[in-house]
Amino acid sequence: MLKQRDYTAVFDASPDAMLVVDADGVIRDLNRQAVAMFGWSREELEGSEVERLIPDASRSRHRGHRLRYGESPKPRPMGEGLELEALRKDGTTIPVEISLSPSQLGPGREHVICAVRDVSAWKRMRRLSGMMIAAAEEERKHLSRELHDEFLQNLVALKIRVKLLADEKDEGERDRARARVAEDIGSTILGVKRMIRGLLPPELDRQGLSSALGSAFRDIENVYGFTVHAELERLGSRLDTVAALALYRIVQEAVGNAVRHAGVNEASVTFETANGAITATIRDEGCGFELPDAEGLPGEGCVGLAGMFERAALVGGSVVVQTSPGGGTTVRASIPVQSAGVQGR
């Protein structure tokens, strides 16, 4: 039979924050995870109203809910679709799920055992996953526009020029027309090659990440006049295939954002290797922007940034964005040398 100290050990070992609250809404006991989650000490929380853990704007409403629950207490499991927030000592709030279980703990009045689970990471991943879907849809729209506005129009123009060439009687004009057609065909071929490299860089398979990024940076300079100062020789060949593709895409997107939005004509890309990971830092001195999320997460419209966060997370890495209006932008992506998806093979 379990003794009292055994129950205490189980209570303390719970991965969720556990609170024992009496009928008056006073916290009578809590576990170590509650201290860690909320930031108050045991002495500060024990004996205080549970509303201390509720944001100011919701306290009176919560007190009403608590009183009604006390009239007819029954178990309430987690995951019932309630959007709840808890207040930490430092004033920050965290999204939580809460289960309630009324219990008669020894003689006296009934208590409620509250299990509180921090769902910040889950909500963050759900948000990023949704934004990744939006990013994929945006990429499809981009490809559709590119195919229509550039390649389809080029092919239509070529068709017209070939017809005019066939009808041209003057030999000199025919030679000049042939040269223009050949030049247009060459430009279209180069455009298709650029698109293929953007979708699936062949250099990544044949020659490695350093060569693929070098080719991408040369294309950016040739097309946009934007210079990327990169230290590619420090990359080597340490990354596995999955991690290399993730880092390539993240650097490609970060540099592309600088080209499109920074309002400058150059950026730097550096690489460092430490603790089993390669960190790429992409920095521009451009106009910067304001991140709407306190954690540095992209806003709803920032599908490119969301894609970078998601790609890094999928291989066990991370992305940090530092920016401010007028202060330039730094994107720091850290990718494990062996991606999470291939470990143990």
C-alpha atoms as a PDB file:
ATOM      1  CA  MET A   1       0.000   0.000   0.000  1.00  0.00           C
ATOM      2  CA  LEU A   2       1.260   3.471  -0.891  1.00  0.00           C
ATOM      3  CA  LYS A   3       2.121   5.698   2.045  1.00  0.00           C
ATOM      4  CA  GLN A   4       1.712   9.453   2.312  1.00  0.00           C
ATOM      5  CA  ARG A   5       5.308  10.103   1.251  1.00  0.00           C
ATOM      6  CA  ASP A   6       4.719   7.966  -1.854  1.00  0.00           C
ATOM      7  CA  TYR A   7       1.739  10.093  -2.850  1.00  0.00           C
ATOM      8  CA  THR A   8       3.850  13.216  -2.313  1.00  0.00           C
ATOM      9  CA  ALA A   9       6.567  11.782  -4.555  1.00  0.00           C
ATOM     10  CA  VAL A  10       4.031  11.074  -7.323  1.00  0.00           C
ATOM     11  CA  PHE A  11       2.569  14.589  -6.916  1.00  0.00           C
ATOM     12  CA  ASP A  12       6.015  16.156  -7.258  1.00  0.00           C
ATOM     13  CA  ALA A  13       7.027  13.928 -10.182  1.00  0.00           C
ATOM     14  CA  SER A  14       4.103  15.009 -12.390  1.00  0.00           C
ATOM     15  CA  PRO A  15       5.233  16.696 -15.639  1.00  0.00           C
ATOM     16  CA  ASP A  16       2.313  19.122 -15.268  1.00  0.00           C
ATOM     17  CA  ALA A  17       1.982  21.859 -12.683  1.00  0.00           C
ATOM     18  CA  MET A  18      -0.277  20.540  -9.896  1.00  0.00           C
ATOM     19  CA  LEU A  19      -2.276  22.721  -7.489  1.00  0.00           C
ATOM     20  CA  VAL A  20      -4.557  21.698  -4.636  1.00  0.00           C
ATOM     21  CA  VAL A  21      -7.206  24.402  -4.188  1.00  0.00           C
ATOM     22  CA  ASP A  22      -9.800  24.491  -1.405  1.00  0.00           C
ATOM     23  CA  ALA A  23     -13.461  25.507  -1.656  1.00  0.00           C
ATOM     24  CA  ASP A  24     -12.538  29.162  -1.030  1.00  0.00           C
ATOM     25  CA  GLY A  25     -10.157  29.205  -3.996  1.00  0.00           C
ATOM     26  CA  VAL A  26      -7.050  29.178  -1.794  1.00  0.00           C
ATOM     27  CA  ILE A  27      -3.993  27.222  -2.934  1.00  0.00           C
ATOM     28  CA  ARG A  28      -3.193  24.658  -0.220  1.00  0.00           C
ATOM     29  CA  ASP A  29      -0.465  22.695  -1.963  1.00  0.00           C
ATOM     30  CA  LEU A  30       1.555  22.715  -5.186  1.00  0.00           C
ATOM     31  CA  ASN A  31       4.322  20.694  -6.792  1.00  0.00           C
ATOM     32  CA  ARG A  32       7.784  21.590  -8.059  1.00  0.00           C
ATOM     33  CA  GLN A  33       6.587  21.977 -11.632  1.00  0.00           C
ATOM     34  CA  ALA A  34       4.120  24.674 -10.516  1.00  0.00           C
ATOM     35  CA  VAL A  35       6.981  26.629  -8.930  1.00  0.00           C
ATOM     36  CA  ALA A  36       8.998  26.300 -12.147  1.00  0.00           C
ATOM     37  CA  MET A  37       6.080  27.202 -14.423  1.00  0.00           C
ATOM     38  CA  PHE A  38       4.752  30.256 -12.576  1.00  0.00           C
ATOM     39  CA  GLY A  39       7.990  31.648 -11.155  1.00  0.00           C
ATOM     40  CA  TRP A  40       6.704  32.203  -7.605  1.00  0.00           C
ATOM     41  CA  SER A  41       8.162  30.321  -4.696  1.00  0.00           C
ATOM     42  CA  ARG A  42       6.130  27.736  -2.784  1.00  0.00           C
ATOM     43  CA  GLU A  43       5.850  30.146   0.150  1.00  0.00           C
ATOM     44  CA  GLU A  44       4.478  32.907  -2.098  1.00  0.00           C
ATOM     45  CA  LEU A  45       1.773  30.725  -3.662  1.00  0.00           C
ATOM     46  CA  GLU A  46       0.712  28.547  -0.764  1.00  0.00           C
ATOM     47  CA  GLY A  47      -2.168  30.250   1.057  1.00  0.00           C
ATOM     48  CA  SER A  48      -2.881  32.728  -1.751  1.00  0.00           C
ATOM     49  CA  GLU A  49      -5.976  32.866  -3.973  1.00  0.00           C
ATOM     50  CA  VAL A  50      -5.742  30.851  -7.185  1.00  0.00           C
ATOM     51  CA  GLU A  51      -6.782  34.018  -9.032  1.00  0.00           C
ATOM     52  CA  ARG A  52      -3.223  35.196  -8.442  1.00  0.00           C
ATOM     53  CA  LEU A  53      -2.355  33.006 -11.441  1.00  0.00           C
ATOM     54  CA  ILE A  54      -5.026  34.564 -13.656  1.00  0.00           C
ATOM     55  CA  PRO A  55      -4.389  37.672 -15.842  1.00  0.00           C
ATOM     56  CA  ASP A  56      -6.007  40.823 -14.434  1.00  0.00           C
ATOM     57  CA  ALA A  57      -8.594  41.126 -17.205  1.00  0.00           C
ATOM     58  CA  SER A  58      -9.948  37.628 -16.521  1.00  0.00           C
ATOM     59  CA  ARG A  59      -9.837  37.460 -12.708  1.00  0.00           C
ATOM     60  CA  SER A  60     -13.409  38.465 -11.901  1.00  0.00           C
ATOM     61  CA  ARG A  61     -14.780  36.183 -14.621  1.00  0.00           C
ATOM     62  CA  HIS A  62     -12.641  33.309 -13.353  1.00  0.00           C
ATOM     63  CA  ARG A  63     -13.830  33.857  -9.802  1.00  0.00           C
ATOM     64  CA  GLY A  64     -17.426  33.546 -11.009  1.00  0.00           C
ATOM     65  CA  HIS A  65     -16.609  30.338 -12.903  1.00  0.00           C
ATOM     66  CA  ARG A  66     -14.898  28.934  -9.813  1.00  0.00           C
ATOM     67  CA  LEU A  67     -17.881  29.631  -7.566  1.00  0.00           C
ATOM     68  CA  ARG A  68     -20.284  27.995 -10.026  1.00  0.00           C
ATOM     69  CA  TYR A  69     -17.980  24.990 -10.350  1.00  0.00           C
ATOM     70  CA  GLY A  70     -17.936  24.673  -6.554  1.00  0.00           C
ATOM     71  CA  GLU A  71     -21.727  24.303  -6.517  1.00  0.00           C
ATOM     72  CA  SER A  72     -21.546  21.197  -8.714  1.00  0.00           C
ATOM     73  CA  PRO A  73     -17.962  19.956  -8.968  1.00  0.00           C
ATOM     74  CA  LYS A  74     -17.139  17.219 -11.453  1.00  0.00           C
ATOM     75  CA  PRO A  75     -13.989  16.061 -13.269  1.00  0.00           C
ATOM     76  CA  ARG A  76     -13.032  18.204 -16.272  1.00  0.00           C
ATOM     77  CA  PRO A  77     -10.315  16.742 -18.525  1.00  0.00           C
ATOM     78  CA  MET A  78      -7.792  18.690 -20.543  1.00  0.00           C
ATOM     79  CA  GLY A  79      -8.275  19.465 -24.206  1.00  0.00           C
ATOM     80  CA  GLU A  80     -11.897  20.633 -24.127  1.00  0.00           C
ATOM     81  CA  GLY A  81     -11.212  23.504 -26.520  1.00  0.00           C
ATOM     82  CA  LEU A  82     -10.934  26.222 -23.859  1.00  0.00           C
ATOM     83  CA  GLU A  83      -8.498  29.052 -24.655  1.00  0.00           C
ATOM     84  CA  LEU A  84      -6.914  29.653 -21.231  1.00  0.00           C
ATOM     85  CA  GLU A  85      -3.990  31.744 -20.053  1.00  0.00           C
ATOM     86  CA  ALA A  86      -1.999  31.722 -16.832  1.00  0.00           C
ATOM     87  CA  LEU A  87      -0.022  34.590 -15.315  1.00  0.00           C
ATOM     88  CA  ARG A  88       3.619  34.227 -14.307  1.00  0.00           C
ATOM     89  CA  LYS A  89       5.358  36.234 -11.585  1.00  0.00           C
ATOM     90  CA  ASP A  90       7.280  38.269 -14.191  1.00  0.00           C
ATOM     91  CA  GLY A  91       3.975  39.472 -15.692  1.00  0.00           C
ATOM     92  CA  THR A  92       4.096  37.324 -18.814  1.00  0.00           C
ATOM     93  CA  THR A  93       1.236  35.023 -19.727  1.00  0.00           C
ATOM     94  CA  ILE A  94       1.375  31.486 -21.088  1.00  0.00           C
ATOM     95  CA  PRO A  95      -1.329  29.477 -22.890  1.00  0.00           C
ATOM     96  CA  VAL A  96      -2.395  26.522 -20.769  1.00  0.00           C
ATOM     97  CA  GLU A  97      -4.744  23.582 -20.614  1.00  0.00           C
ATOM     98  CA  ILE A  98      -6.240  22.801 -17.207  1.00  0.00           C
ATOM     99  CA  SER A  99      -7.917  19.701 -15.871  1.00  0.00           C
ATOM    100  CA  LEU A 100      -9.982  19.798 -12.679  1.00  0.00           C
ATOM    101  CA  SER A 101     -10.682  16.892 -10.362  1.00  0.00           C
ATOM    102  CA  PRO A 102     -12.671  17.315  -7.132  1.00  0.00           C
ATOM    103  CA  SER A 103     -11.284  15.229  -4.272  1.00  0.00           C
ATOM    104  CA  GLN A 104     -11.877  14.662  -0.573  1.00  0.00           C
ATOM    105  CA  LEU A 105      -8.375  14.981   0.840  1.00  0.00           C
ATOM    106  CA  GLY A 106      -8.746  13.714   4.380  1.00  0.00           C
ATOM    107  CA  PRO A 107     -11.345  15.067   6.821  1.00  0.00           C
ATOM    108  CA  GLY A 108     -12.884  18.427   6.157  1.00  0.00           C
ATOM    109  CA  ARG A 109     -14.017  20.303   3.084  1.00  0.00           C
ATOM    110  CA  GLU A 110     -13.646  19.184  -0.506  1.00  0.00           C
ATOM    111  CA  HIS A 111     -10.651  20.310  -2.534  1.00  0.00           C
ATOM    112  CA  VAL A 112     -10.006  20.513  -6.258  1.00  0.00           C
ATOM    113  CA  ILE A 113      -6.831  19.122  -7.813  1.00  0.00           C
ATOM    114  CA  CYS A 114      -5.822  21.276 -10.773  1.00  0.00           C
ATOM    115  CA  ALA A 115      -3.348  19.991 -13.386  1.00  0.00           C
ATOM    116  CA  VAL A 116      -1.963  22.841 -15.506  1.00  0.00           C
ATOM    117  CA  ARG A 117      -0.110  22.133 -18.749  1.00  0.00           C
ATOM    118  CA  ASP A 118       1.923  24.734 -20.642  1.00  0.00           C
ATOM    119  CA  VAL A 119       0.911  24.409 -24.322  1.00  0.00           C
ATOM    120  CA  SER A 120       3.118  27.227 -25.646  1.00  0.00           C
ATOM    121  CA  ALA A 121       5.283  24.888 -27.728  1.00  0.00           C
ATOM    122  CA  TRP A 122       2.262  23.063 -29.140  1.00  0.00           C
ATOM    123  CA  LYS A 123       0.503  26.290 -30.100  1.00  0.00           C
ATOM    124  CA  ARG A 124       3.719  27.635 -31.612  1.00  0.00           C
ATOM    125  CA  MET A 125       4.173  24.533 -33.764  1.00  0.00           C
ATOM    126  CA  ARG A 126       0.503  24.577 -34.801  1.00  0.00           C
ATOM    127  CA  ARG A 127       0.816  28.201 -35.827  1.00  0.00           C
ATOM    128  CA  LEU A 128       4.032  27.561 -37.752  1.00  0.00           C
ATOM    129  CA  SER A 129       2.536  24.509 -39.455  1.00  0.00           C
ATOM    130  CA  GLY A 130      -0.405  26.588 -40.617  1.00  0.00           C
ATOM    131  CA  MET A 131       1.930  29.269 -41.890  1.00  0.00           C
ATOM    132  CA  MET A 132       4.034  26.628 -43.658  1.00  0.00           C
ATOM    133  CA  ILE A 133       0.936  25.527 -45.559  1.00  0.00           C
ATOM    134  CA  ALA A 134       0.332  29.162 -46.487  1.00  0.00           C
ATOM    135  CA  ALA A 135       3.985  29.471 -47.555  1.00  0.00           C
ATOM    136  CA  ALA A 136       3.663  26.418 -49.813  1.00  0.00           C
ATOM    137  CA  GLU A 137       0.525  27.871 -51.375  1.00  0.00           C
ATOM    138  CA  GLU A 138       2.268  31.206 -51.887  1.00  0.00           C
ATOM    139  CA  GLU A 139       5.186  29.422 -53.558  1.00  0.00           C
ATOM    140  CA  ARG A 140       2.798  27.693 -55.961  1.00  0.00           C
ATOM    141  CA  LYS A 141       1.246  31.060 -56.823  1.00  0.00           C
ATOM    142  CA  HIS A 142       4.724  32.515 -57.352  1.00  0.00           C
ATOM    143  CA  LEU A 143       5.674  29.689 -59.736  1.00  0.00           C
ATOM    144  CA  SER A 144       2.399  30.099 -61.595  1.00  0.00           C
ATOM    145  CA  ARG A 145       2.998  33.850 -62.022  1.00  0.00           C
ATOM    146  CA  GLU A 146       6.601  33.269 -63.099  1.00  0.00           C
ATOM    147  CA  LEU A 147       5.611  30.677 -65.687  1.00  0.00           C
ATOM    148  CA  HIS A 148       2.848  32.901 -67.040  1.00  0.00           C
ATOM    149  CA  ASP A 149       4.475  36.318 -66.909  1.00  0.00           C
ATOM    150  CA  GLU A 150       7.941  35.337 -68.093  1.00  0.00           C
ATOM    151  CA  PHE A 151       8.173  32.013 -69.872  1.00  0.00           C
ATOM    152  CA  LEU A 152       4.733  31.871 -71.485  1.00  0.00           C
ATOM    153  CA  GLN A 153       5.077  35.460 -72.720  1.00  0.00           C
ATOM    154  CA  ASN A 154       8.561  34.719 -74.051  1.00  0.00           C
ATOM    155  CA  LEU A 155       7.297  31.685 -75.935  1.00  0.00           C
ATOM    156  CA  VAL A 156       4.409  33.668 -77.421  1.00  0.00           C
ATOM    157  CA  ALA A 157       6.851  36.374 -78.534  1.00  0.00           C
ATOM    158  CA  LEU A 158       9.131  33.726 -80.049  1.00  0.00           C
ATOM    159  CA  LYS A 159       6.220  32.224 -81.977  1.00  0.00           C
ATOM    160  CA  ILE A 160       5.408  35.656 -83.450  1.00  0.00           C
ATOM    161  CA  ARG A 161       9.047  36.323 -84.358  1.00  0.00           C
ATOM    162  CA  VAL A 162       9.443  32.943 -86.031  1.00  0.00           C
ATOM    163  CA  LYS A 163       6.323  33.661 -88.117  1.00  0.00           C
ATOM    164  CA  LEU A 164       7.675  37.086 -89.068  1.00  0.00           C
ATOM    165  CA  LEU A 165      11.010  35.484 -89.902  1.00  0.00           C
ATOM    166  CA  ALA A 166       9.324  33.071 -92.296  1.00  0.00           C
ATOM    167  CA  ASP A 167       7.618  35.977 -94.083  1.00  0.00           C
ATOM    168  CA  GLU A 168      10.698  38.214 -94.238  1.00  0.00           C
ATOM    169  CA  LYS A 169      12.049  38.675 -97.783  1.00  0.00           C
ATOM    170  CA  ASP A 170      15.095  40.825 -97.064  1.00  0.00           C
ATOM    171  CA  GLU A 171      18.121  38.607 -96.364  1.00  0.00           C
ATOM    172  CA  GLY A 172      19.746  41.123 -94.024  1.00  0.00           C
ATOM    173  CA  GLU A 173      16.585  41.511 -91.961  1.00  0.00           C
ATOM    174  CA  ARG A 174      16.197  37.728 -91.858  1.00  0.00           C
ATOM    175  CA  ASP A 175      19.723  37.360 -90.412  1.00  0.00           C
ATOM    176  CA  ARG A 176      19.007  39.988 -87.757  1.00  0.00           C
ATOM    177  CA  ALA A 177      15.676  38.325 -86.952  1.00  0.00           C
ATOM    178  CA  ARG A 178      17.386  34.929 -86.606  1.00  0.00           C
ATOM    179  CA  ALA A 179      19.901  36.474 -84.179  1.00  0.00           C
ATOM    180  CA  ARG A 180      17.087  37.979 -82.075  1.00  0.00           C
ATOM    181  CA  VAL A 181      15.243  34.639 -81.984  1.00  0.00           C
ATOM    182  CA  ALA A 182      18.427  32.829 -80.951  1.00  0.00           C
ATOM    183  CA  GLU A 183      19.064  35.436 -78.232  1.00  0.00           C
ATOM    184  CA  ASP A 184      15.509  35.108 -76.907  1.00  0.00           C
ATOM    185  CA  ILE A 185      15.780  31.319 -76.860  1.00  0.00           C
ATOM    186  CA  GLY A 186      19.053  31.577 -74.939  1.00  0.00           C
ATOM    187  CA  SER A 187      17.501  33.975 -72.384  1.00  0.00           C
ATOM    188  CA  THR A 188      14.519  31.672 -71.902  1.00  0.00           C
ATOM    189  CA  ILE A 189      16.804  28.663 -71.392  1.00  0.00           C
ATOM    190  CA  LEU A 190      18.762  30.568 -68.737  1.00  0.00           C
ATOM    191  CA  GLY A 191      15.504  31.520 -67.018  1.00  0.00           C
ATOM    192  CA  VAL A 192      14.335  27.913 -66.957  1.00  0.00           C
ATOM    193  CA  LYS A 193      17.692  26.827 -65.526  1.00  0.00           C
ATOM    194  CA  ARG A 194      17.388  29.459 -62.796  1.00  0.00           C
ATOM    195  CA  MET A 195      13.937  28.164 -61.907  1.00  0.00           C
ATOM    196  CA  ILE A 196      15.169  24.562 -61.836  1.00  0.00           C
ATOM    197  CA  ARG A 197      18.043  25.528 -59.535  1.00  0.00           C
ATOM    198  CA  GLY A 198      15.577  27.341 -57.303  1.00  0.00           C
ATOM    199  CA  LEU A 199      13.324  24.306 -57.060  1.00  0.00           C
ATOM    200  CA  LEU A 200      15.956  21.591 -56.794  1.00  0.00           C
ATOM    201  CA  PRO A 201      19.559  22.820 -56.985  1.00  0.00           C
ATOM    202  CA  PRO A 202      21.525  20.125 -58.888  1.00  0.00           C
ATOM    203  CA  GLU A 203      24.809  21.394 -57.409  1.00  0.00           C
ATOM    204  CA  LEU A 204      23.594  20.327 -53.975  1.00  0.00           C
ATOM    205  CA  ASP A 205      23.684  16.680 -55.033  1.00  0.00           C
ATOM    206  CA  ARG A 206      26.703  16.852 -57.307  1.00  0.00           C
ATOM    207  CA  GLN A 207      29.065  19.261 -55.568  1.00  0.00           C
ATOM    208  CA  GLY A 208      27.621  20.034 -52.132  1.00  0.00           C
ATOM    209  CA  LEU A 209      26.117  22.928 -50.218  1.00  0.00           C
ATOM    210  CA  SER A 210      28.974  25.371 -50.747  1.00  0.00           C
ATOM    211  CA  SER A 211      28.762  25.093 -54.543  1.00  0.00           C
ATOM    212  CA  ALA A 212      24.958  25.293 -54.566  1.00  0.00           C
ATOM    213  CA  LEU A 213      24.925  28.472 -52.474  1.00  0.00           C
ATOM    214  CA  GLY A 214      27.723  29.993 -54.558  1.00  0.00           C
ATOM    215  CA  SER A 215      25.696  29.377 -57.715  1.00  0.00           C
ATOM    216  CA  ALA A 216      22.557  30.861 -56.122  1.00  0.00           C
ATOM    217  CA  PHE A 217      24.452  33.970 -54.986  1.00  0.00           C
ATOM    218  CA  ARG A 218      25.921  34.468 -58.489  1.00  0.00           C
ATOM    219  CA  ASP A 219      22.437  34.243 -59.996  1.00  0.00           C
ATOM    220  CA  ILE A 220      21.171  36.835 -57.508  1.00  0.00           C
ATOM    221  CA  GLU A 221      23.985  39.225 -58.443  1.00  0.00           C
ATOM    222  CA  ASN A 222      23.475  38.711 -62.191  1.00  0.00           C
ATOM    223  CA  VAL A 223      19.696  39.155 -62.054  1.00  0.00           C
ATOM    224  CA  TYR A 224      19.229  41.755 -59.293  1.00  0.00           C
ATOM    225  CA  GLY A 225      22.632  43.417 -58.974  1.00  0.00           C
ATOM    226  CA  PHE A 226      22.632  42.376 -55.317  1.00  0.00           C
ATOM    227  CA  THR A 227      25.985  41.268 -53.855  1.00  0.00           C
ATOM    228  CA  VAL A 228      26.187  38.497 -51.249  1.00  0.00           C
ATOM    229  CA  HIS A 229      29.458  38.499 -49.285  1.00  0.00           C
ATOM    230  CA  ALA A 230      29.774  34.869 -48.197  1.00  0.00           C
ATOM    231  CA  GLU A 231      32.404  32.743 -46.457  1.00  0.00           C
ATOM    232  CA  LEU A 232      31.502  29.504 -48.213  1.00  0.00           C
ATOM    233  CA  GLU A 233      34.882  27.836 -47.692  1.00  0.00           C
ATOM    234  CA  ARG A 234      34.010  27.271 -44.019  1.00  0.00           C
ATOM    235  CA  LEU A 235      31.063  25.036 -44.886  1.00  0.00           C
ATOM    236  CA  GLY A 236      32.949  21.914 -45.938  1.00  0.00           C
ATOM    237  CA  SER A 237      30.839  18.755 -46.333  1.00  0.00           C
ATOM    238  CA  ARG A 238      29.845  18.003 -42.755  1.00  0.00           C
ATOM    239  CA  LEU A 239      26.060  18.269 -43.121  1.00  0.00           C
ATOM    240  CA  ASP A 240      23.998  15.251 -44.103  1.00  0.00           C
ATOM    241  CA  THR A 241      21.735  15.536 -47.164  1.00  0.00           C
ATOM    242  CA  VAL A 242      18.534  16.455 -45.289  1.00  0.00           C
ATOM    243  CA  ALA A 243      20.249  19.070 -43.106  1.00  0.00           C
ATOM    244  CA  ALA A 244      22.101  20.540 -46.108  1.00  0.00           C
ATOM    245  CA  LEU A 245      18.851  21.035 -48.028  1.00  0.00           C
ATOM    246  CA  ALA A 246      17.205  22.670 -44.994  1.00  0.00           C
ATOM    247  CA  LEU A 247      20.116  25.091 -44.533  1.00  0.00           C
ATOM    248  CA  TYR A 248      20.220  25.853 -48.273  1.00  0.00           C
ATOM    249  CA  ARG A 249      16.524  26.758 -48.310  1.00  0.00           C
ATOM    250  CA  ILE A 250      16.772  28.884 -45.168  1.00  0.00           C
ATOM    251  CA  VAL A 251      19.776  30.857 -46.455  1.00  0.00           C
ATOM    252  CA  GLN A 252      18.135  31.178 -49.878  1.00  0.00           C
ATOM    253  CA  GLU A 253      14.944  32.583 -48.331  1.00  0.00           C
ATOM    254  CA  ALA A 254      16.771  34.937 -45.956  1.00  0.00           C
ATOM    255  CA  VAL A 255      18.904  36.379 -48.764  1.00  0.00           C
ATOM    256  CA  GLY A 256      15.848  36.574 -51.037  1.00  0.00           C
ATOM    257  CA  ASN A 257      14.027  38.576 -48.356  1.00  0.00           C
ATOM    258  CA  ALA A 258      16.971  40.976 -48.176  1.00  0.00           C
ATOM    259  CA  VAL A 259      16.909  41.382 -51.970  1.00  0.00           C
ATOM    260  CA  ARG A 260      13.161  42.059 -52.027  1.00  0.00           C
ATOM    261  CA  HIS A 261      12.602  44.076 -48.877  1.00  0.00           C
ATOM    262  CA  ALA A 262      15.778  45.489 -47.285  1.00  0.00           C
ATOM    263  CA  GLY A 263      16.251  48.413 -49.667  1.00  0.00           C
ATOM    264  CA  VAL A 264      20.018  47.820 -49.947  1.00  0.00           C
ATOM    265  CA  ASN A 265      22.190  46.097 -52.543  1.00  0.00           C
ATOM    266  CA  GLU A 266      24.299  43.778 -50.402  1.00  0.00           C
ATOM    267  CA  ALA A 267      24.192  41.338 -47.502  1.00  0.00           C
ATOM    268  CA  SER A 268      26.660  39.083 -45.692  1.00  0.00           C
ATOM    269  CA  VAL A 269      26.459  35.352 -44.989  1.00  0.00           C
ATOM    270  CA  THR A 270      28.812  33.719 -42.482  1.00  0.00           C
ATOM    271  CA  PHE A 271      29.026  30.211 -41.058  1.00  0.00           C
ATOM    272  CA  GLU A 272      30.245  28.785 -37.750  1.00  0.00           C
ATOM    273  CA  THR A 273      30.476  25.187 -36.571  1.00  0.00           C
ATOM    274  CA  ALA A 274      30.134  24.308 -32.878  1.00  0.00           C
ATOM    275  CA  ASN A 275      28.495  21.667 -30.681  1.00  0.00           C
ATOM    276  CA  GLY A 276      27.455  19.455 -33.565  1.00  0.00           C
ATOM    277  CA  ALA A 277      25.668  22.205 -35.500  1.00  0.00           C
ATOM    278  CA  ILE A 278      26.366  24.693 -38.260  1.00  0.00           C
ATOM    279  CA  THR A 279      25.064  28.212 -37.726  1.00  0.00           C
ATOM    280  CA  ALA A 280      24.475  30.488 -40.712  1.00  0.00           C
ATOM    281  CA  THR A 281      24.148  34.209 -40.029  1.00  0.00           C
ATOM    282  CA  ILE A 282      22.568  36.335 -42.761  1.00  0.00           C
ATOM    283  CA  ARG A 283      22.880  40.065 -42.123  1.00  0.00           C
ATOM    284  CA  ASP A 284      21.785  43.151 -44.055  1.00  0.00           C
ATOM    285  CA  GLU A 285      21.978  46.819 -43.081  1.00  0.00           C
ATOM    286  CA  GLY A 286      18.627  47.617 -44.637  1.00  0.00           C
ATOM    287  CA  CYS A 287      15.351  49.109 -43.484  1.00  0.00           C
ATOM    288  CA  GLY A 288      14.454  46.277 -41.096  1.00  0.00           C
ATOM    289  CA  PHE A 289      10.919  45.712 -39.868  1.00  0.00           C
ATOM    290  CA  GLU A 290       8.924  45.119 -36.699  1.00  0.00           C
ATOM    291  CA  LEU A 291       8.332  41.576 -35.515  1.00  0.00           C
ATOM    292  CA  PRO A 292       4.817  41.353 -34.038  1.00  0.00           C
ATOM    293  CA  ASP A 293       5.677  38.439 -31.741  1.00  0.00           C
ATOM    294  CA  ALA A 294       7.599  38.874 -28.478  1.00  0.00           C
ATOM    295  CA  GLU A 295       9.397  35.566 -29.117  1.00  0.00           C
ATOM    296  CA  GLY A 296      10.622  36.745 -32.499  1.00  0.00           C
ATOM    297  CA  LEU A 297       8.134  34.605 -34.410  1.00  0.00           C
ATOM    298  CA  PRO A 298       6.905  35.776 -37.829  1.00  0.00           C
ATOM    299  CA  GLY A 299       3.557  37.477 -38.179  1.00  0.00           C
ATOM    300  CA  GLU A 300       0.622  36.071 -40.115  1.00  0.00           C
ATOM    301  CA  GLY A 301       1.758  37.625 -43.397  1.00  0.00           C
ATOM    302  CA  CYS A 302       5.395  36.557 -43.140  1.00  0.00           C
ATOM    303  CA  VAL A 303       5.083  33.246 -44.954  1.00  0.00           C
ATOM    304  CA  GLY A 304       8.755  33.192 -45.969  1.00  0.00           C
ATOM    305  CA  LEU A 305       9.934  33.590 -42.397  1.00  0.00           C
ATOM    306  CA  ALA A 306       7.465  30.955 -41.269  1.00  0.00           C
ATOM    307  CA  GLY A 307       8.934  28.565 -43.821  1.00  0.00           C
ATOM    308  CA  MET A 308      12.416  29.122 -42.390  1.00  0.00           C
ATOM    309  CA  PHE A 309      11.238  28.416 -38.835  1.00  0.00           C
ATOM    310  CA  GLU A 310       9.422  25.276 -39.950  1.00  0.00           C
ATOM    311  CA  ARG A 311      12.327  23.907 -42.027  1.00  0.00           C
ATOM    312  CA  ALA A 312      14.700  24.348 -39.101  1.00  0.00           C
ATOM    313  CA  ALA A 313      12.297  22.716 -36.636  1.00  0.00           C
ATOM    314  CA  LEU A 314      11.803  19.688 -38.900  1.00  0.00           C
ATOM    315  CA  VAL A 315      15.518  18.806 -38.719  1.00  0.00           C
ATOM    316  CA  GLY A 316      15.927  19.655 -35.028  1.00  0.00           C
ATOM    317  CA  GLY A 317      17.362  23.135 -35.601  1.00  0.00           C
ATOM    318  CA  SER A 318      16.288  26.681 -34.838  1.00  0.00           C
ATOM    319  CA  VAL A 319      16.008  30.138 -36.401  1.00  0.00           C
ATOM    320  CA  VAL A 320      16.344  33.452 -34.596  1.00  0.00           C
ATOM    321  CA  VAL A 321      15.411  36.749 -36.273  1.00  0.00           C
ATOM    322  CA  GLN A 322      16.670  40.071 -34.935  1.00  0.00           C
ATOM    323  CA  THR A 323      15.362  43.197 -36.608  1.00  0.00           C
ATOM    324  CA  SER A 324      13.845  46.598 -35.992  1.00  0.00           C
ATOM    325  CA  PRO A 325      12.645  49.442 -38.223  1.00  0.00           C
ATOM    326  CA  GLY A 326      15.747  51.152 -39.593  1.00  0.00           C
ATOM    327  CA  GLY A 327      18.061  48.721 -37.794  1.00  0.00           C
ATOM    328  CA  GLY A 328      18.729  46.106 -40.457  1.00  0.00           C
ATOM    329  CA  THR A 329      17.955  42.405 -40.146  1.00  0.00           C
ATOM    330  CA  THR A 330      19.921  39.434 -38.864  1.00  0.00           C
ATOM    331  CA  VAL A 331      18.729  35.871 -39.400  1.00  0.00           C
ATOM    332  CA  ARG A 332      20.626  33.203 -37.476  1.00  0.00           C
ATOM    333  CA  ALA A 333      19.865  29.590 -38.438  1.00  0.00           C
ATOM    334  CA  SER A 334      21.406  26.729 -36.473  1.00  0.00           C
ATOM    335  CA  ILE A 335      21.135  23.291 -38.081  1.00  0.00           C
ATOM    336  CA  PRO A 336      22.458  20.022 -36.594  1.00  0.00           C
ATOM    337  CA  VAL A 337      25.205  18.418 -38.679  1.00  0.00           C
ATOM    338  CA  GLN A 338      23.099  15.242 -38.589  1.00  0.00           C
ATOM    339  CA  SER A 339      19.441  16.136 -38.941  1.00  0.00           C
ATOM    340  CA  ALA A 340      16.875  14.806 -36.487  1.00  0.00           C
ATOM    341  CA  GLY A 341      15.197  12.926 -39.304  1.00  0.00           C
ATOM    342  CA  VAL A 342      18.208  10.694 -40.020  1.00  0.00           C
ATOM    343  CA  GLN A 343      19.755  10.136 -36.613  1.00  0.00           C
ATOM    344  CA  GLY A 344      20.305   6.532 -35.669  1.00  0.00           C
ATOM    345  CA  ARG A 345      20.319   5.213 -39.245  1.00  0.00           C
END
